[in-house]
Amino acid sequence: MPMIKIDEQTAQQLEFAAKMSGSTAGEVIARLVKDSIAPSGADAATAEIYAVYEGVKTTAVYDRTTKRVDITSGPLDGKSFKTPTGAARAIVGHYKPEVSPHRNGWSFWLLDDGTARPLQSIRL
């Protein structure tokens, strides 16, 4: 197995990233290399995302250039939001209007590419 040398600070950051993503350090590095060569998804300008709130899965498309989120399923299907946070708040407000809808959309939405990484992981 090939080995690479990294400094202690980078090693700690890599372990933290692995822990946060539920993967190994090697998987984090492989994903970073893959993403740097070709962004995930059939269309590099967009990424398919989803969120599960109150047991209901909502799918959407994230535009990497404009940062817009277009909902593609559920009661909010067809709605477009300027930011991931705006879309997250709309979902929370729809399903639980009695709670504060304040959410961080970058961690609320997950990539629908088999990794379930938070949208934050591809934020530029």
PDB file of N, CA and C in Angstrom:
ATOM      1  N   MET A   1       0.847  -1.174   0.000  1.00  0.00           N
ATOM      2  CA  MET A   1       0.000   0.000   0.000  1.00  0.00           C
ATOM      3  C   MET A   1       0.894   1.239   0.000  1.00  0.00           C
ATOM      4  N   PRO A   2       0.650   2.172  -0.916  1.00  0.00           N
ATOM      5  CA  PRO A   2       1.449   3.400  -0.954  1.00  0.00           C
ATOM      6  C   PRO A   2       1.233   4.235   0.304  1.00  0.00           C
ATOM      7  N   MET A   3       2.254   4.975   0.692  1.00  0.00           N
ATOM      8  CA  MET A   3       2.189   5.817   1.880  1.00  0.00           C
ATOM      9  C   MET A   3       2.517   7.250   1.476  1.00  0.00           C
ATOM     10  N   ILE A   4       1.891   8.212   2.146  1.00  0.00           N
ATOM     11  CA  ILE A   4       2.234   9.613   1.948  1.00  0.00           C
ATOM     12  C   ILE A   4       2.586  10.210   3.300  1.00  0.00           C
ATOM     13  N   LYS A   5       3.467  11.203   3.298  1.00  0.00           N
ATOM     14  CA  LYS A   5       3.860  11.861   4.537  1.00  0.00           C
ATOM     15  C   LYS A   5       3.124  13.187   4.636  1.00  0.00           C
ATOM     16  N   ILE A   6       2.536  13.437   5.816  1.00  0.00           N
ATOM     17  CA  ILE A   6       1.870  14.700   6.090  1.00  0.00           C
ATOM     18  C   ILE A   6       2.278  15.173   7.474  1.00  0.00           C
ATOM     19  N   ASP A   7       2.168  16.474   7.704  1.00  0.00           N
ATOM     20  CA  ASP A   7       2.544  16.998   9.019  1.00  0.00           C
ATOM     21  C   ASP A   7       1.454  16.660  10.038  1.00  0.00           C
ATOM     22  N   GLU A   8       1.764  16.857  11.306  1.00  0.00           N
ATOM     23  CA  GLU A   8       0.860  16.474  12.396  1.00  0.00           C
ATOM     24  C   GLU A   8      -0.464  17.242  12.338  1.00  0.00           C
ATOM     25  N   GLN A   9      -0.415  18.529  12.037  1.00  0.00           N
ATOM     26  CA  GLN A   9      -1.634  19.332  11.977  1.00  0.00           C
ATOM     27  C   GLN A   9      -2.560  18.822  10.854  1.00  0.00           C
ATOM     28  N   THR A  10      -1.990  18.524   9.710  1.00  0.00           N
ATOM     29  CA  THR A  10      -2.784  17.995   8.596  1.00  0.00           C
ATOM     30  C   THR A  10      -3.371  16.643   8.962  1.00  0.00           C
ATOM     31  N   ALA A  11      -2.600  15.821   9.649  1.00  0.00           N
ATOM     32  CA  ALA A  11      -3.090  14.503  10.079  1.00  0.00           C
ATOM     33  C   ALA A  11      -4.282  14.649  11.020  1.00  0.00           C
ATOM     34  N   GLN A  12      -4.211  15.599  11.938  1.00  0.00           N
ATOM     35  CA  GLN A  12      -5.321  15.828  12.862  1.00  0.00           C
ATOM     36  C   GLN A  12      -6.555  16.325  12.120  1.00  0.00           C
ATOM     37  N   GLN A  13      -6.355  17.233  11.177  1.00  0.00           N
ATOM     38  CA  GLN A  13      -7.479  17.748  10.393  1.00  0.00           C
ATOM     39  C   GLN A  13      -8.102  16.652   9.535  1.00  0.00           C
ATOM     40  N   LEU A  14      -7.276  15.796   9.000  1.00  0.00           N
ATOM     41  CA  LEU A  14      -7.758  14.688   8.181  1.00  0.00           C
ATOM     42  C   LEU A  14      -8.572  13.708   9.023  1.00  0.00           C
ATOM     43  N   GLU A  15      -8.103  13.401  10.212  1.00  0.00           N
ATOM     44  CA  GLU A  15      -8.848  12.513  11.105  1.00  0.00           C
ATOM     45  C   GLU A  15     -10.181  13.130  11.515  1.00  0.00           C
ATOM     46  N   PHE A  16     -10.167  14.440  11.747  1.00  0.00           N
ATOM     47  CA  PHE A  16     -11.415  15.136  12.097  1.00  0.00           C
ATOM     48  C   PHE A  16     -12.396  15.063  10.926  1.00  0.00           C
ATOM     49  N   ALA A  17     -11.923  15.320   9.710  1.00  0.00           N
ATOM     50  CA  ALA A  17     -12.784  15.250   8.527  1.00  0.00           C
ATOM     51  C   ALA A  17     -13.344  13.846   8.348  1.00  0.00           C
ATOM     52  N   ALA A  18     -12.529  12.842   8.589  1.00  0.00           N
ATOM     53  CA  ALA A  18     -12.981  11.456   8.477  1.00  0.00           C
ATOM     54  C   ALA A  18     -14.062  11.155   9.504  1.00  0.00           C
ATOM     55  N   LYS A  19     -13.853  11.608  10.727  1.00  0.00           N
ATOM     56  CA  LYS A  19     -14.833  11.382  11.790  1.00  0.00           C
ATOM     57  C   LYS A  19     -16.155  12.066  11.455  1.00  0.00           C
ATOM     58  N   MET A  20     -16.089  13.310  10.993  1.00  0.00           N
ATOM     59  CA  MET A  20     -17.301  14.074  10.678  1.00  0.00           C
ATOM     60  C   MET A  20     -18.070  13.465   9.503  1.00  0.00           C
ATOM     61  N   SER A  21     -17.363  12.846   8.570  1.00  0.00           N
ATOM     62  CA  SER A  21     -18.041  12.282   7.394  1.00  0.00           C
ATOM     63  C   SER A  21     -18.352  10.795   7.560  1.00  0.00           C
ATOM     64  N   GLY A  22     -17.967  10.230   8.697  1.00  0.00           N
ATOM     65  CA  GLY A  22     -18.241   8.811   8.920  1.00  0.00           C
ATOM     66  C   GLY A  22     -17.467   7.901   7.993  1.00  0.00           C
ATOM     67  N   SER A  23     -16.246   8.300   7.664  1.00  0.00           N
ATOM     68  CA  SER A  23     -15.428   7.497   6.760  1.00  0.00           C
ATOM     69  C   SER A  23     -14.004   7.417   7.310  1.00  0.00           C
ATOM     70  N   THR A  24     -13.132   6.788   6.549  1.00  0.00           N
ATOM     71  CA  THR A  24     -11.732   6.684   6.955  1.00  0.00           C
ATOM     72  C   THR A  24     -10.939   7.835   6.354  1.00  0.00           C
ATOM     73  N   ALA A  25      -9.741   8.051   6.874  1.00  0.00           N
ATOM     74  CA  ALA A  25      -8.874   9.096   6.336  1.00  0.00           C
ATOM     75  C   ALA A  25      -8.556   8.814   4.864  1.00  0.00           C
ATOM     76  N   GLY A  26      -8.337   7.578   4.534  1.00  0.00           N
ATOM     77  CA  GLY A  26      -8.065   7.202   3.146  1.00  0.00           C
ATOM     78  C   GLY A  26      -9.231   7.515   2.227  1.00  0.00           C
ATOM     79  N   GLU A  27     -10.454   7.292   2.716  1.00  0.00           N
ATOM     80  CA  GLU A  27     -11.644   7.593   1.914  1.00  0.00           C
ATOM     81  C   GLU A  27     -11.797   9.096   1.703  1.00  0.00           C
ATOM     82  N   VAL A  28     -11.453   9.890   2.721  1.00  0.00           N
ATOM     83  CA  VAL A  28     -11.515  11.350   2.592  1.00  0.00           C
ATOM     84  C   VAL A  28     -10.545  11.804   1.514  1.00  0.00           C
ATOM     85  N   ILE A  29      -9.330  11.296   1.554  1.00  0.00           N
ATOM     86  CA  ILE A  29      -8.331  11.673   0.552  1.00  0.00           C
ATOM     87  C   ILE A  29      -8.779  11.239  -0.838  1.00  0.00           C
ATOM     88  N   ALA A  30      -9.273  10.014  -0.966  1.00  0.00           N
ATOM     89  CA  ALA A  30      -9.726   9.527  -2.273  1.00  0.00           C
ATOM     90  C   ALA A  30     -10.847  10.404  -2.814  1.00  0.00           C
ATOM     91  N   ARG A  31     -11.778  10.806  -1.958  1.00  0.00           N
ATOM     92  CA  ARG A  31     -12.898  11.654  -2.376  1.00  0.00           C
ATOM     93  C   ARG A  31     -12.396  13.021  -2.823  1.00  0.00           C
ATOM     94  N   LEU A  32     -11.434  13.589  -2.075  1.00  0.00           N
ATOM     95  CA  LEU A  32     -10.877  14.892  -2.439  1.00  0.00           C
ATOM     96  C   LEU A  32     -10.186  14.832  -3.798  1.00  0.00           C
ATOM     97  N   VAL A  33      -9.429  13.780  -4.019  1.00  0.00           N
ATOM     98  CA  VAL A  33      -8.746  13.627  -5.303  1.00  0.00           C
ATOM     99  C   VAL A  33      -9.766  13.472  -6.422  1.00  0.00           C
ATOM    100  N   LYS A  34     -10.755  12.608  -6.221  1.00  0.00           N
ATOM    101  CA  LYS A  34     -11.793  12.394  -7.241  1.00  0.00           C
ATOM    102  C   LYS A  34     -12.532  13.685  -7.543  1.00  0.00           C
ATOM    103  N   ASP A  35     -12.931  14.423  -6.492  1.00  0.00           N
ATOM    104  CA  ASP A  35     -13.685  15.659  -6.689  1.00  0.00           C
ATOM    105  C   ASP A  35     -12.847  16.742  -7.352  1.00  0.00           C
ATOM    106  N   SER A  36     -11.542  16.719  -7.137  1.00  0.00           N
ATOM    107  CA  SER A  36     -10.697  17.733  -7.768  1.00  0.00           C
ATOM    108  C   SER A  36     -10.503  17.458  -9.255  1.00  0.00           C
ATOM    109  N   ILE A  37     -10.647  16.194  -9.647  1.00  0.00           N
ATOM    110  CA  ILE A  37     -10.497  15.831 -11.053  1.00  0.00           C
ATOM    111  C   ILE A  37     -11.807  16.050 -11.811  1.00  0.00           C
ATOM    112  N   ALA A  38     -12.913  15.603 -11.249  1.00  0.00           N
ATOM    113  CA  ALA A  38     -14.224  15.754 -11.885  1.00  0.00           C
ATOM    114  C   ALA A  38     -15.276  15.850 -10.800  1.00  0.00           C
ATOM    115  N   PRO A  39     -15.988  16.969 -10.702  1.00  0.00           N
ATOM    116  CA  PRO A  39     -17.039  17.091  -9.698  1.00  0.00           C
ATOM    117  C   PRO A  39     -18.057  15.972  -9.815  1.00  0.00           C
ATOM    118  N   SER A  40     -18.664  15.584  -8.673  1.00  0.00           N
ATOM    119  CA  SER A  40     -19.627  14.493  -8.675  1.00  0.00           C
ATOM    120  C   SER A  40     -20.880  14.884  -9.431  1.00  0.00           C
ATOM    121  N   GLY A  41     -21.604  13.900  -9.915  1.00  0.00           N
ATOM    122  CA  GLY A  41     -22.850  14.134 -10.622  1.00  0.00           C
ATOM    123  C   GLY A  41     -22.629  14.210 -12.114  1.00  0.00           C
ATOM    124  N   ALA A  42     -23.702  13.946 -12.852  1.00  0.00           N
ATOM    125  CA  ALA A  42     -23.626  13.946 -14.302  1.00  0.00           C
ATOM    126  C   ALA A  42     -23.354  15.352 -14.830  1.00  0.00           C
ATOM    127  N   ASP A  43     -23.876  16.368 -14.167  1.00  0.00           N
ATOM    128  CA  ASP A  43     -23.705  17.741 -14.593  1.00  0.00           C
ATOM    129  C   ASP A  43     -22.888  18.463 -13.536  1.00  0.00           C
ATOM    130  N   ALA A  44     -21.681  18.866 -13.874  1.00  0.00           N
ATOM    131  CA  ALA A  44     -20.795  19.494 -12.898  1.00  0.00           C
ATOM    132  C   ALA A  44     -21.348  20.808 -12.365  1.00  0.00           C
ATOM    133  N   ALA A  45     -22.295  21.420 -13.070  1.00  0.00           N
ATOM    134  CA  ALA A  45     -22.851  22.695 -12.619  1.00  0.00           C
ATOM    135  C   ALA A  45     -23.889  22.517 -11.517  1.00  0.00           C
ATOM    136  N   THR A  46     -24.397  21.307 -11.336  1.00  0.00           N
ATOM    137  CA  THR A  46     -25.417  21.055 -10.323  1.00  0.00           C
ATOM    138  C   THR A  46     -25.072  19.816  -9.509  1.00  0.00           C
ATOM    139  N   ALA A  47     -25.743  19.696  -8.377  1.00  0.00           N
ATOM    140  CA  ALA A  47     -25.599  18.501  -7.541  1.00  0.00           C
ATOM    141  C   ALA A  47     -26.989  18.125  -7.030  1.00  0.00           C
ATOM    142  N   GLU A  48     -27.303  16.843  -7.098  1.00  0.00           N
ATOM    143  CA  GLU A  48     -28.564  16.371  -6.537  1.00  0.00           C
ATOM    144  C   GLU A  48     -28.394  16.255  -5.030  1.00  0.00           C
ATOM    145  N   ILE A  49     -29.388  16.779  -4.299  1.00  0.00           N
ATOM    146  CA  ILE A  49     -29.335  16.785  -2.842  1.00  0.00           C
ATOM    147  C   ILE A  49     -30.669  16.318  -2.277  1.00  0.00           C
ATOM    148  N   TYR A  50     -30.659  16.016  -0.987  1.00  0.00           N
ATOM    149  CA  TYR A  50     -31.913  15.644  -0.328  1.00  0.00           C
ATOM    150  C   TYR A  50     -31.827  15.995   1.159  1.00  0.00           C
ATOM    151  N   ALA A  51     -33.003  16.015   1.768  1.00  0.00           N
ATOM    152  CA  ALA A  51     -33.092  16.213   3.212  1.00  0.00           C
ATOM    153  C   ALA A  51     -34.218  15.328   3.711  1.00  0.00           C
ATOM    154  N   VAL A  52     -34.062  14.806   4.916  1.00  0.00           N
ATOM    155  CA  VAL A  52     -35.130  14.056   5.562  1.00  0.00           C
ATOM    156  C   VAL A  52     -35.520  14.838   6.802  1.00  0.00           C
ATOM    157  N   TYR A  53     -36.771  15.288   6.830  1.00  0.00           N
ATOM    158  CA  TYR A  53     -37.265  16.052   7.967  1.00  0.00           C
ATOM    159  C   TYR A  53     -38.636  15.522   8.328  1.00  0.00           C
ATOM    160  N   GLU A  54     -38.833  15.245   9.607  1.00  0.00           N
ATOM    161  CA  GLU A  54     -40.089  14.665  10.089  1.00  0.00           C
ATOM    162  C   GLU A  54     -40.424  13.372   9.338  1.00  0.00           C
ATOM    163  N   GLY A  55     -39.374  12.616   9.003  1.00  0.00           N
ATOM    164  CA  GLY A  55     -39.547  11.324   8.349  1.00  0.00           C
ATOM    165  C   GLY A  55     -39.878  11.395   6.874  1.00  0.00           C
ATOM    166  N   VAL A  56     -39.837  12.594   6.296  1.00  0.00           N
ATOM    167  CA  VAL A  56     -40.178  12.765   4.886  1.00  0.00           C
ATOM    168  C   VAL A  56     -38.933  13.201   4.120  1.00  0.00           C
ATOM    169  N   LYS A  57     -38.639  12.481   3.047  1.00  0.00           N
ATOM    170  CA  LYS A  57     -37.489  12.827   2.212  1.00  0.00           C
ATOM    171  C   LYS A  57     -37.921  13.821   1.138  1.00  0.00           C
ATOM    172  N   THR A  58     -37.171  14.900   1.030  1.00  0.00           N
ATOM    173  CA  THR A  58     -37.383  15.905  -0.006  1.00  0.00           C
ATOM    174  C   THR A  58     -36.134  15.941  -0.861  1.00  0.00           C
ATOM    175  N   THR A  59     -36.307  15.882  -2.169  1.00  0.00           N
ATOM    176  CA  THR A  59     -35.164  15.949  -3.078  1.00  0.00           C
ATOM    177  C   THR A  59     -35.106  17.332  -3.721  1.00  0.00           C
ATOM    178  N   ALA A  60     -33.895  17.697  -4.155  1.00  0.00           N
ATOM    179  CA  ALA A  60     -33.698  19.008  -4.758  1.00  0.00           C
ATOM    180  C   ALA A  60     -32.439  18.982  -5.621  1.00  0.00           C
ATOM    181  N   VAL A  61     -32.245  20.067  -6.339  1.00  0.00           N
ATOM    182  CA  VAL A  61     -31.035  20.255  -7.138  1.00  0.00           C
ATOM    183  C   VAL A  61     -30.369  21.542  -6.669  1.00  0.00           C
ATOM    184  N   TYR A  62     -29.078  21.449  -6.389  1.00  0.00           N
ATOM    185  CA  TYR A  62     -28.278  22.597  -5.963  1.00  0.00           C
ATOM    186  C   TYR A  62     -27.462  23.086  -7.151  1.00  0.00           C
ATOM    187  N   ASP A  63     -27.556  24.364  -7.459  1.00  0.00           N
ATOM    188  CA  ASP A  63     -26.781  24.967  -8.543  1.00  0.00           C
ATOM    189  C   ASP A  63     -25.490  25.509  -7.956  1.00  0.00           C
ATOM    190  N   ARG A  64     -24.373  24.941  -8.367  1.00  0.00           N
ATOM    191  CA  ARG A  64     -23.076  25.316  -7.801  1.00  0.00           C
ATOM    192  C   ARG A  64     -22.676  26.760  -8.123  1.00  0.00           C
ATOM    193  N   THR A  65     -23.192  27.288  -9.217  1.00  0.00           N
ATOM    194  CA  THR A  65     -22.834  28.650  -9.614  1.00  0.00           C
ATOM    195  C   THR A  65     -23.662  29.695  -8.885  1.00  0.00           C
ATOM    196  N   THR A  66     -24.973  29.533  -8.908  1.00  0.00           N
ATOM    197  CA  THR A  66     -25.864  30.533  -8.307  1.00  0.00           C
ATOM    198  C   THR A  66     -26.147  30.279  -6.836  1.00  0.00           C
ATOM    199  N   LYS A  67     -25.875  29.061  -6.360  1.00  0.00           N
ATOM    200  CA  LYS A  67     -26.153  28.612  -4.985  1.00  0.00           C
ATOM    201  C   LYS A  67     -27.646  28.386  -4.738  1.00  0.00           C
ATOM    202  N   ARG A  68     -28.458  28.410  -5.794  1.00  0.00           N
ATOM    203  CA  ARG A  68     -29.902  28.198  -5.670  1.00  0.00           C
ATOM    204  C   ARG A  68     -30.212  26.739  -5.417  1.00  0.00           C
ATOM    205  N   VAL A  69     -31.345  26.507  -4.752  1.00  0.00           N
ATOM    206  CA  VAL A  69     -31.855  25.159  -4.518  1.00  0.00           C
ATOM    207  C   VAL A  69     -33.253  25.093  -5.118  1.00  0.00           C
ATOM    208  N   ASP A  70     -33.448  24.140  -6.023  1.00  0.00           N
ATOM    209  CA  ASP A  70     -34.750  23.909  -6.639  1.00  0.00           C
ATOM    210  C   ASP A  70     -35.307  22.600  -6.110  1.00  0.00           C
ATOM    211  N   ILE A  71     -36.435  22.665  -5.413  1.00  0.00           N
ATOM    212  CA  ILE A  71     -37.062  21.472  -4.837  1.00  0.00           C
ATOM    213  C   ILE A  71     -37.686  20.655  -5.966  1.00  0.00           C
ATOM    214  N   THR A  72     -37.472  19.328  -5.927  1.00  0.00           N
ATOM    215  CA  THR A  72     -37.964  18.457  -7.006  1.00  0.00           C
ATOM    216  C   THR A  72     -38.934  17.385  -6.534  1.00  0.00           C
ATOM    217  N   SER A  73     -39.307  17.403  -5.253  1.00  0.00           N
ATOM    218  CA  SER A  73     -40.294  16.426  -4.779  1.00  0.00           C
ATOM    219  C   SER A  73     -41.038  16.982  -3.577  1.00  0.00           C
ATOM    220  N   GLY A  74     -42.174  16.362  -3.277  1.00  0.00           N
ATOM    221  CA  GLY A  74     -42.937  16.737  -2.088  1.00  0.00           C
ATOM    222  C   GLY A  74     -43.807  17.955  -2.300  1.00  0.00           C
ATOM    223  N   PRO A  75     -44.388  18.437  -1.217  1.00  0.00           N
ATOM    224  CA  PRO A  75     -45.321  19.563  -1.294  1.00  0.00           C
ATOM    225  C   PRO A  75     -44.693  20.864  -1.795  1.00  0.00           C
ATOM    226  N   LEU A  76     -43.387  20.997  -1.682  1.00  0.00           N
ATOM    227  CA  LEU A  76     -42.711  22.205  -2.153  1.00  0.00           C
ATOM    228  C   LEU A  76     -42.100  22.023  -3.543  1.00  0.00           C
ATOM    229  N   ASP A  77     -42.444  20.935  -4.216  1.00  0.00           N
ATOM    230  CA  ASP A  77     -41.947  20.647  -5.564  1.00  0.00           C
ATOM    231  C   ASP A  77     -42.170  21.853  -6.474  1.00  0.00           C
ATOM    232  N   GLY A  78     -41.119  22.228  -7.189  1.00  0.00           N
ATOM    233  CA  GLY A  78     -41.220  23.352  -8.112  1.00  0.00           C
ATOM    234  C   GLY A  78     -40.802  24.686  -7.522  1.00  0.00           C
ATOM    235  N   LYS A  79     -40.641  24.745  -6.215  1.00  0.00           N
ATOM    236  CA  LYS A  79     -40.218  25.993  -5.564  1.00  0.00           C
ATOM    237  C   LYS A  79     -38.698  26.122  -5.684  1.00  0.00           C
ATOM    238  N   SER A  80     -38.255  27.362  -5.823  1.00  0.00           N
ATOM    239  CA  SER A  80     -36.835  27.654  -5.954  1.00  0.00           C
ATOM    240  C   SER A  80     -36.438  28.639  -4.864  1.00  0.00           C
ATOM    241  N   PHE A  81     -35.254  28.431  -4.303  1.00  0.00           N
ATOM    242  CA  PHE A  81     -34.782  29.263  -3.199  1.00  0.00           C
ATOM    243  C   PHE A  81     -33.392  29.801  -3.516  1.00  0.00           C
ATOM    244  N   LYS A  82     -33.126  31.022  -3.080  1.00  0.00           N
ATOM    245  CA  LYS A  82     -31.848  31.668  -3.366  1.00  0.00           C
ATOM    246  C   LYS A  82     -30.678  31.001  -2.667  1.00  0.00           C
ATOM    247  N   THR A  83     -30.963  30.328  -1.541  1.00  0.00           N
ATOM    248  CA  THR A  83     -29.888  29.711  -0.760  1.00  0.00           C
ATOM    249  C   THR A  83     -30.342  28.361  -0.205  1.00  0.00           C
ATOM    250  N   PRO A  84     -29.390  27.483   0.124  1.00  0.00           N
ATOM    251  CA  PRO A  84     -29.747  26.228   0.789  1.00  0.00           C
ATOM    252  C   PRO A  84     -30.461  26.471   2.121  1.00  0.00           C
ATOM    253  N   THR A  85     -30.076  27.522   2.834  1.00  0.00           N
ATOM    254  CA  THR A  85     -30.705  27.828   4.115  1.00  0.00           C
ATOM    255  C   THR A  85     -32.162  28.227   3.923  1.00  0.00           C
ATOM    256  N   GLY A  86     -32.451  29.026   2.909  1.00  0.00           N
ATOM    257  CA  GLY A  86     -33.834  29.400   2.630  1.00  0.00           C
ATOM    258  C   GLY A  86     -34.699  28.184   2.332  1.00  0.00           C
ATOM    259  N   ALA A  87     -34.150  27.242   1.574  1.00  0.00           N
ATOM    260  CA  ALA A  87     -34.889  26.015   1.255  1.00  0.00           C
ATOM    261  C   ALA A  87     -35.096  25.166   2.505  1.00  0.00           C
ATOM    262  N   ALA A  88     -34.078  25.066   3.344  1.00  0.00           N
ATOM    263  CA  ALA A  88     -34.192  24.287   4.585  1.00  0.00           C
ATOM    264  C   ALA A  88     -35.261  24.881   5.486  1.00  0.00           C
ATOM    265  N   ARG A  89     -35.262  26.189   5.617  1.00  0.00           N
ATOM    266  CA  ARG A  89     -36.251  26.853   6.464  1.00  0.00           C
ATOM    267  C   ARG A  89     -37.662  26.652   5.941  1.00  0.00           C
ATOM    268  N   ALA A  90     -37.823  26.642   4.630  1.00  0.00           N
ATOM    269  CA  ALA A  90     -39.152  26.419   4.048  1.00  0.00           C
ATOM    270  C   ALA A  90     -39.658  25.015   4.372  1.00  0.00           C
ATOM    271  N   ILE A  91     -38.774  24.033   4.322  1.00  0.00           N
ATOM    272  CA  ILE A  91     -39.174  22.656   4.637  1.00  0.00           C
ATOM    273  C   ILE A  91     -39.586  22.552   6.105  1.00  0.00           C
ATOM    274  N   VAL A  92     -38.759  23.090   6.985  1.00  0.00           N
ATOM    275  CA  VAL A  92     -39.085  23.046   8.414  1.00  0.00           C
ATOM    276  C   VAL A  92     -40.400  23.771   8.666  1.00  0.00           C
ATOM    277  N   GLY A  93     -40.561  24.952   8.079  1.00  0.00           N
ATOM    278  CA  GLY A  93     -41.781  25.717   8.262  1.00  0.00           C
ATOM    279  C   GLY A  93     -43.012  25.000   7.735  1.00  0.00           C
ATOM    280  N   HIS A  94     -42.851  24.233   6.661  1.00  0.00           N
ATOM    281  CA  HIS A  94     -43.984  23.499   6.097  1.00  0.00           C
ATOM    282  C   HIS A  94     -44.413  22.349   7.012  1.00  0.00           C
ATOM    283  N   TYR A  95     -43.453  21.557   7.460  1.00  0.00           N
ATOM    284  CA  TYR A  95     -43.778  20.366   8.236  1.00  0.00           C
ATOM    285  C   TYR A  95     -44.014  20.636   9.726  1.00  0.00           C
ATOM    286  N   LYS A  96     -43.377  21.690  10.254  1.00  0.00           N
ATOM    287  CA  LYS A  96     -43.534  21.992  11.682  1.00  0.00           C
ATOM    288  C   LYS A  96     -43.600  23.501  11.869  1.00  0.00           C
ATOM    289  N   PRO A  97     -44.707  24.103  11.487  1.00  0.00           N
ATOM    290  CA  PRO A  97     -44.797  25.560  11.577  1.00  0.00           C
ATOM    291  C   PRO A  97     -44.707  26.100  13.005  1.00  0.00           C
ATOM    292  N   GLU A  98     -44.913  25.232  13.985  1.00  0.00           N
ATOM    293  CA  GLU A  98     -44.880  25.690  15.375  1.00  0.00           C
ATOM    294  C   GLU A  98     -43.462  25.811  15.944  1.00  0.00           C
ATOM    295  N   VAL A  99     -42.444  25.322  15.218  1.00  0.00           N
ATOM    296  CA  VAL A  99     -41.065  25.437  15.707  1.00  0.00           C
ATOM    297  C   VAL A  99     -40.310  26.489  14.905  1.00  0.00           C
ATOM    298  N   SER A 100     -39.243  26.981  15.490  1.00  0.00           N
ATOM    299  CA  SER A 100     -38.406  27.956  14.783  1.00  0.00           C
ATOM    300  C   SER A 100     -37.810  27.278  13.550  1.00  0.00           C
ATOM    301  N   PRO A 101     -37.953  27.898  12.383  1.00  0.00           N
ATOM    302  CA  PRO A 101     -37.443  27.262  11.167  1.00  0.00           C
ATOM    303  C   PRO A 101     -35.955  27.483  10.943  1.00  0.00           C
ATOM    304  N   HIS A 102     -35.295  28.179  11.851  1.00  0.00           N
ATOM    305  CA  HIS A 102     -33.888  28.516  11.636  1.00  0.00           C
ATOM    306  C   HIS A 102     -33.031  27.253  11.546  1.00  0.00           C
ATOM    307  N   ARG A 103     -32.409  27.084  10.401  1.00  0.00           N
ATOM    308  CA  ARG A 103     -31.543  25.946  10.127  1.00  0.00           C
ATOM    309  C   ARG A 103     -30.371  26.424   9.277  1.00  0.00           C
ATOM    310  N   ASN A 104     -29.267  25.724   9.360  1.00  0.00           N
ATOM    311  CA  ASN A 104     -28.141  25.953   8.468  1.00  0.00           C
ATOM    312  C   ASN A 104     -28.331  25.024   7.277  1.00  0.00           C
ATOM    313  N   GLY A 105     -28.654  25.582   6.139  1.00  0.00           N
ATOM    314  CA  GLY A 105     -28.923  24.776   4.954  1.00  0.00           C
ATOM    315  C   GLY A 105     -27.737  23.965   4.470  1.00  0.00           C
ATOM    316  N   TRP A 106     -26.529  24.444   4.748  1.00  0.00           N
ATOM    317  CA  TRP A 106     -25.333  23.738   4.296  1.00  0.00           C
ATOM    318  C   TRP A 106     -25.162  22.392   5.010  1.00  0.00           C
ATOM    319  N   SER A 107     -25.683  22.281   6.226  1.00  0.00           N
ATOM    320  CA  SER A 107     -25.615  20.994   6.925  1.00  0.00           C
ATOM    321  C   SER A 107     -26.950  20.248   6.869  1.00  0.00           C
ATOM    322  N   PHE A 108     -28.038  20.930   6.589  1.00  0.00           N
ATOM    323  CA  PHE A 108     -29.376  20.329   6.490  1.00  0.00           C
ATOM    324  C   PHE A 108     -29.481  19.433   5.255  1.00  0.00           C
ATOM    325  N   TRP A 109     -28.946  19.910   4.129  1.00  0.00           N
ATOM    326  CA  TRP A 109     -29.013  19.169   2.870  1.00  0.00           C
ATOM    327  C   TRP A 109     -27.848  18.199   2.750  1.00  0.00           C
ATOM    328  N   LEU A 110     -28.123  17.030   2.188  1.00  0.00           N
ATOM    329  CA  LEU A 110     -27.102  15.988   1.983  1.00  0.00           C
ATOM    330  C   LEU A 110     -26.970  15.705   0.500  1.00  0.00           C
ATOM    331  N   LEU A 111     -25.769  15.336   0.080  1.00  0.00           N
ATOM    332  CA  LEU A 111     -25.553  14.988  -1.319  1.00  0.00           C
ATOM    333  C   LEU A 111     -26.226  13.659  -1.633  1.00  0.00           C
ATOM    334  N   ASP A 112     -26.951  13.620  -2.727  1.00  0.00           N
ATOM    335  CA  ASP A 112     -27.647  12.403  -3.145  1.00  0.00           C
ATOM    336  C   ASP A 112     -26.789  11.658  -4.159  1.00  0.00           C
ATOM    337  N   ASP A 113     -25.547  11.386  -3.757  1.00  0.00           N
ATOM    338  CA  ASP A 113     -24.590  10.706  -4.633  1.00  0.00           C
ATOM    339  C   ASP A 113     -24.093   9.397  -4.029  1.00  0.00           C
ATOM    340  N   GLY A 114     -24.810   8.923  -3.008  1.00  0.00           N
ATOM    341  CA  GLY A 114     -24.416   7.684  -2.345  1.00  0.00           C
ATOM    342  C   GLY A 114     -23.527   7.902  -1.134  1.00  0.00           C
ATOM    343  N   THR A 115     -23.053   9.137  -0.929  1.00  0.00           N
ATOM    344  CA  THR A 115     -22.162   9.401   0.203  1.00  0.00           C
ATOM    345  C   THR A 115     -22.896  10.004   1.391  1.00  0.00           C
ATOM    346  N   ALA A 116     -24.015  10.670   1.140  1.00  0.00           N
ATOM    347  CA  ALA A 116     -24.783  11.375   2.178  1.00  0.00           C
ATOM    348  C   ALA A 116     -23.941  12.417   2.896  1.00  0.00           C
ATOM    349  N   ARG A 117     -22.950  12.947   2.207  1.00  0.00           N
ATOM    350  CA  ARG A 117     -22.149  14.034   2.793  1.00  0.00           C
ATOM    351  C   ARG A 117     -23.003  15.300   2.846  1.00  0.00           C
ATOM    352  N   PRO A 118     -22.756  16.150   3.823  1.00  0.00           N
ATOM    353  CA  PRO A 118     -23.490  17.418   3.856  1.00  0.00           C
ATOM    354  C   PRO A 118     -23.132  18.282   2.643  1.00  0.00           C
ATOM    355  N   LEU A 119     -24.079  19.101   2.217  1.00  0.00           N
ATOM    356  CA  LEU A 119     -23.843  20.003   1.101  1.00  0.00           C
ATOM    357  C   LEU A 119     -22.608  20.859   1.344  1.00  0.00           C
ATOM    358  N   GLN A 120     -22.337  21.168   2.592  1.00  0.00           N
ATOM    359  CA  GLN A 120     -21.160  21.941   2.980  1.00  0.00           C
ATOM    360  C   GLN A 120     -19.879  21.381   2.363  1.00  0.00           C
ATOM    361  N   SER A 121     -19.816  20.065   2.148  1.00  0.00           N
ATOM    362  CA  SER A 121     -18.589  19.427   1.665  1.00  0.00           C
ATOM    363  C   SER A 121     -18.218  19.837   0.244  1.00  0.00           C
ATOM    364  N   ILE A 122     -19.161  20.409  -0.521  1.00  0.00           N
ATOM    365  CA  ILE A 122     -18.812  20.871  -1.873  1.00  0.00           C
ATOM    366  C   ILE A 122     -18.945  22.382  -1.994  1.00  0.00           C
ATOM    367  N   ARG A 123     -19.142  23.041  -0.878  1.00  0.00           N
ATOM    368  CA  ARG A 123     -19.279  24.499  -0.884  1.00  0.00           C
ATOM    369  C   ARG A 123     -17.978  25.139  -1.309  1.00  0.00           C
ATOM    370  N   LEU A 124     -18.061  26.082  -2.215  1.00  0.00           N
ATOM    371  CA  LEU A 124     -16.853  26.765  -2.696  1.00  0.00           C
ATOM    372  C   LEU A 124     -16.715  28.126  -2.073  1.00  0.00           C
TER     373      LEU A 124
END
